[in-house]
Structure formats: structure tokens, C-alpha cells
Amino acid sequence: MQEHPFQPLLQPWLKLAQNNLALMSQFSFAPEVVSQAMAQSQNLFHQMVETSNRLTHSNAYAELVQGLVRNYSEFLSELGQVSMAALSAGQADWLQQAQQAGQVIELARRRA
């Protein structure tokens, strides 16, 4: 494969990027870093649990849940109405097509 003219110029940059990625990976998985990350994640988890417990007992949360229930109730009601209307329209179209087919058959019988 032919070497691109800029490849020698890019080589130091690629080597720098690869070496820096290797160092970052080594740092990220060092025992001290992993242990600090685990401790921080446990603290964060406990804070999230405490915060969510306080929020779920607030008026704002109750209003959110009531609003969601209302929105889904309206959605289901509208969906049911639209579905019934579509079903009725489909049934009316089917009956009309059946009547037209019957008329075509009757005309064909008369001509035969």
C-alpha cells in the first residue's frame, strides 16, 4: 500500500494520542481511583435515595402524578373514540362496497 505524503507528519500526533489514551486507561483503573469512584458512587446513590424519598412525599410530586394520570386518561378516552369512529367508518365503507359488488353481480346476471 502506498504511503500518503502526510502520513509521516501525522505519525507523532497518532503516537501522542495513543500514549495518552494508554496513560488515561492506566490511571482510570488504578486501585486508588477505583476505590474513590466506588465511594463517591455509593454516596451519590444514598443522596439520590434520600432526595427521591423527600420528593415523593411533596405536593409537587402528587400534582405530577395526578397530571400524568389525567393525561393518560384523556389519551385513552380519545384513542377509544377515534378507534370506534374508524371502525364505524370502515364498516360503513365495507357495506357500501358489498352493495356495489352486489349491484355489479346483478347487472352481470341480467346481461347474461
C-alpha atoms as a PDB file:
ATOM      1  CA  MET A   1       0.000   0.000   0.000  1.00  0.00           C
ATOM      2  CA  GLN A   2       1.316   3.401  -0.969  1.00  0.00           C
ATOM      3  CA  GLU A   3       2.152   5.811   1.873  1.00  0.00           C
ATOM      4  CA  HIS A   4       0.208   9.068   1.935  1.00  0.00           C
ATOM      5  CA  PRO A   5       2.506  12.132   1.774  1.00  0.00           C
ATOM      6  CA  PHE A   6       1.144  13.490   5.086  1.00  0.00           C
ATOM      7  CA  GLN A   7       1.426  10.197   6.960  1.00  0.00           C
ATOM      8  CA  PRO A   8       4.918  10.905   8.350  1.00  0.00           C
ATOM      9  CA  LEU A   9       3.652  14.272   9.642  1.00  0.00           C
ATOM     10  CA  LEU A  10       0.670  12.630  11.335  1.00  0.00           C
ATOM     11  CA  GLN A  11       2.661   9.837  12.971  1.00  0.00           C
ATOM     12  CA  PRO A  12       3.834  11.879  16.028  1.00  0.00           C
ATOM     13  CA  TRP A  13       0.256  13.051  16.640  1.00  0.00           C
ATOM     14  CA  LEU A  14      -1.110   9.499  16.443  1.00  0.00           C
ATOM     15  CA  LYS A  15       1.603   8.221  18.771  1.00  0.00           C
ATOM     16  CA  LEU A  16       0.867  11.035  21.262  1.00  0.00           C
ATOM     17  CA  ALA A  17      -2.876  10.240  21.203  1.00  0.00           C
ATOM     18  CA  GLN A  18      -2.274   6.505  21.665  1.00  0.00           C
ATOM     19  CA  ASN A  19       0.187   7.037  24.519  1.00  0.00           C
ATOM     20  CA  ASN A  20      -2.145   9.487  26.271  1.00  0.00           C
ATOM     21  CA  LEU A  21      -5.067   7.063  25.944  1.00  0.00           C
ATOM     22  CA  ALA A  22      -2.940   4.303  27.454  1.00  0.00           C
ATOM     23  CA  LEU A  23      -1.995   6.567  30.388  1.00  0.00           C
ATOM     24  CA  MET A  24      -5.629   7.598  30.963  1.00  0.00           C
ATOM     25  CA  SER A  25      -6.710   3.965  30.905  1.00  0.00           C
ATOM     26  CA  GLN A  26      -3.977   3.025  33.374  1.00  0.00           C
ATOM     27  CA  PHE A  27      -4.998   5.921  35.652  1.00  0.00           C
ATOM     28  CA  SER A  28      -8.718   5.097  35.429  1.00  0.00           C
ATOM     29  CA  PHE A  29      -8.188   1.529  36.575  1.00  0.00           C
ATOM     30  CA  ALA A  30      -5.642   2.261  39.288  1.00  0.00           C
ATOM     31  CA  PRO A  31      -6.808   0.781  42.652  1.00  0.00           C
ATOM     32  CA  GLU A  32      -6.891   4.194  44.385  1.00  0.00           C
ATOM     33  CA  VAL A  33      -9.010   5.742  41.626  1.00  0.00           C
ATOM     34  CA  VAL A  34     -11.416   2.793  41.515  1.00  0.00           C
ATOM     35  CA  SER A  35     -11.844   2.856  45.289  1.00  0.00           C
ATOM     36  CA  GLN A  36     -12.530   6.630  45.300  1.00  0.00           C
ATOM     37  CA  ALA A  37     -15.009   6.255  42.455  1.00  0.00           C
ATOM     38  CA  MET A  38     -16.841   3.464  44.294  1.00  0.00           C
ATOM     39  CA  ALA A  39     -17.041   5.523  47.498  1.00  0.00           C
ATOM     40  CA  GLN A  40     -18.350   8.552  45.609  1.00  0.00           C
ATOM     41  CA  SER A  41     -20.904   6.480  43.721  1.00  0.00           C
ATOM     42  CA  GLN A  42     -22.184   4.984  46.989  1.00  0.00           C
ATOM     43  CA  ASN A  43     -22.520   8.473  48.497  1.00  0.00           C
ATOM     44  CA  LEU A  44     -24.292   9.686  45.376  1.00  0.00           C
ATOM     45  CA  PHE A  45     -26.659   6.710  45.477  1.00  0.00           C
ATOM     46  CA  HIS A  46     -27.574   7.381  49.123  1.00  0.00           C
ATOM     47  CA  GLN A  47     -28.160  11.056  48.362  1.00  0.00           C
ATOM     48  CA  MET A  48     -30.390  10.162  45.417  1.00  0.00           C
ATOM     49  CA  VAL A  49     -32.445   7.787  47.579  1.00  0.00           C
ATOM     50  CA  GLU A  50     -32.885  10.408  50.293  1.00  0.00           C
ATOM     51  CA  THR A  51     -33.793  13.099  47.779  1.00  0.00           C
ATOM     52  CA  SER A  52     -36.270  10.887  45.961  1.00  0.00           C
ATOM     53  CA  ASN A  53     -37.900   9.893  49.264  1.00  0.00           C
ATOM     54  CA  ARG A  54     -38.373  13.566  50.152  1.00  0.00           C
ATOM     55  CA  LEU A  55     -39.640  14.427  46.678  1.00  0.00           C
ATOM     56  CA  THR A  56     -42.170  11.595  46.536  1.00  0.00           C
ATOM     57  CA  HIS A  57     -43.790  12.982  49.690  1.00  0.00           C
ATOM     58  CA  SER A  58     -44.068  16.518  48.303  1.00  0.00           C
ATOM     59  CA  ASN A  59     -47.109  18.288  46.874  1.00  0.00           C
ATOM     60  CA  ALA A  60     -45.262  18.812  43.605  1.00  0.00           C
ATOM     61  CA  TYR A  61     -44.885  15.044  43.162  1.00  0.00           C
ATOM     62  CA  ALA A  62     -48.556  14.458  43.960  1.00  0.00           C
ATOM     63  CA  GLU A  63     -49.522  17.062  41.348  1.00  0.00           C
ATOM     64  CA  LEU A  64     -47.191  15.422  38.838  1.00  0.00           C
ATOM     65  CA  VAL A  65     -48.765  12.001  39.364  1.00  0.00           C
ATOM     66  CA  GLN A  66     -52.289  13.422  39.193  1.00  0.00           C
ATOM     67  CA  GLY A  67     -51.424  15.261  35.986  1.00  0.00           C
ATOM     68  CA  LEU A  68     -49.927  12.138  34.421  1.00  0.00           C
ATOM     69  CA  VAL A  69     -52.990  10.075  35.339  1.00  0.00           C
ATOM     70  CA  ARG A  70     -55.267  12.769  33.881  1.00  0.00           C
ATOM     71  CA  ASN A  71     -53.206  12.975  30.667  1.00  0.00           C
ATOM     72  CA  TYR A  72     -53.234   9.202  30.152  1.00  0.00           C
ATOM     73  CA  SER A  73     -56.951   9.006  30.936  1.00  0.00           C
ATOM     74  CA  GLU A  74     -57.704  11.672  28.329  1.00  0.00           C
ATOM     75  CA  PHE A  75     -55.405   9.930  25.860  1.00  0.00           C
ATOM     76  CA  LEU A  76     -57.111   6.563  26.318  1.00  0.00           C
ATOM     77  CA  SER A  77     -60.546   8.150  26.043  1.00  0.00           C
ATOM     78  CA  GLU A  78     -59.640   9.959  22.824  1.00  0.00           C
ATOM     79  CA  LEU A  79     -57.954   6.853  21.433  1.00  0.00           C
ATOM     80  CA  GLY A  80     -61.092   4.828  22.127  1.00  0.00           C
ATOM     81  CA  GLN A  81     -63.321   7.426  20.443  1.00  0.00           C
ATOM     82  CA  VAL A  82     -61.100   7.674  17.369  1.00  0.00           C
ATOM     83  CA  SER A  83     -60.844   3.892  17.138  1.00  0.00           C
ATOM     84  CA  MET A  84     -64.615   3.454  17.327  1.00  0.00           C
ATOM     85  CA  ALA A  85     -65.123   6.166  14.695  1.00  0.00           C
ATOM     86  CA  ALA A  86     -62.592   4.497  12.393  1.00  0.00           C
ATOM     87  CA  LEU A  87     -64.210   1.114  12.950  1.00  0.00           C
ATOM     88  CA  SER A  88     -67.653   2.522  12.182  1.00  0.00           C
ATOM     89  CA  ALA A  89     -66.397   4.299   9.071  1.00  0.00           C
ATOM     90  CA  GLY A  90     -64.626   1.133   7.960  1.00  0.00           C
ATOM     91  CA  GLN A  91     -67.779  -0.908   8.491  1.00  0.00           C
ATOM     92  CA  ALA A  92     -69.855   1.621   6.520  1.00  0.00           C
ATOM     93  CA  ASP A  93     -67.317   1.548   3.674  1.00  0.00           C
ATOM     94  CA  TRP A  94     -67.318  -2.241   3.685  1.00  0.00           C
ATOM     95  CA  LEU A  95     -71.137  -2.342   3.497  1.00  0.00           C
ATOM     96  CA  GLN A  96     -71.123   0.183   0.664  1.00  0.00           C
ATOM     97  CA  GLN A  97     -68.551  -1.846  -1.269  1.00  0.00           C
ATOM     98  CA  ALA A  98     -70.541  -5.022  -0.684  1.00  0.00           C
ATOM     99  CA  GLN A  99     -73.682  -3.328  -2.029  1.00  0.00           C
ATOM    100  CA  GLN A 100     -71.796  -2.087  -5.088  1.00  0.00           C
ATOM    101  CA  ALA A 101     -70.389  -5.560  -5.688  1.00  0.00           C
ATOM    102  CA  GLY A 102     -73.887  -6.963  -5.409  1.00  0.00           C
ATOM    103  CA  GLN A 103     -75.148  -4.470  -7.968  1.00  0.00           C
ATOM    104  CA  VAL A 104     -72.330  -5.387 -10.373  1.00  0.00           C
ATOM    105  CA  ILE A 105     -73.161  -9.084  -9.971  1.00  0.00           C
ATOM    106  CA  GLU A 106     -76.849  -8.379 -10.554  1.00  0.00           C
ATOM    107  CA  LEU A 107     -76.063  -6.389 -13.739  1.00  0.00           C
ATOM    108  CA  ALA A 108     -73.836  -9.193 -14.963  1.00  0.00           C
ATOM    109  CA  ARG A 109     -76.650 -11.735 -14.389  1.00  0.00           C
ATOM    110  CA  ARG A 110     -79.149  -9.619 -16.307  1.00  0.00           C
ATOM    111  CA  ARG A 111     -76.831  -9.280 -19.266  1.00  0.00           C
ATOM    112  CA  ALA A 112     -76.071 -12.969 -19.358  1.00  0.00           C
END
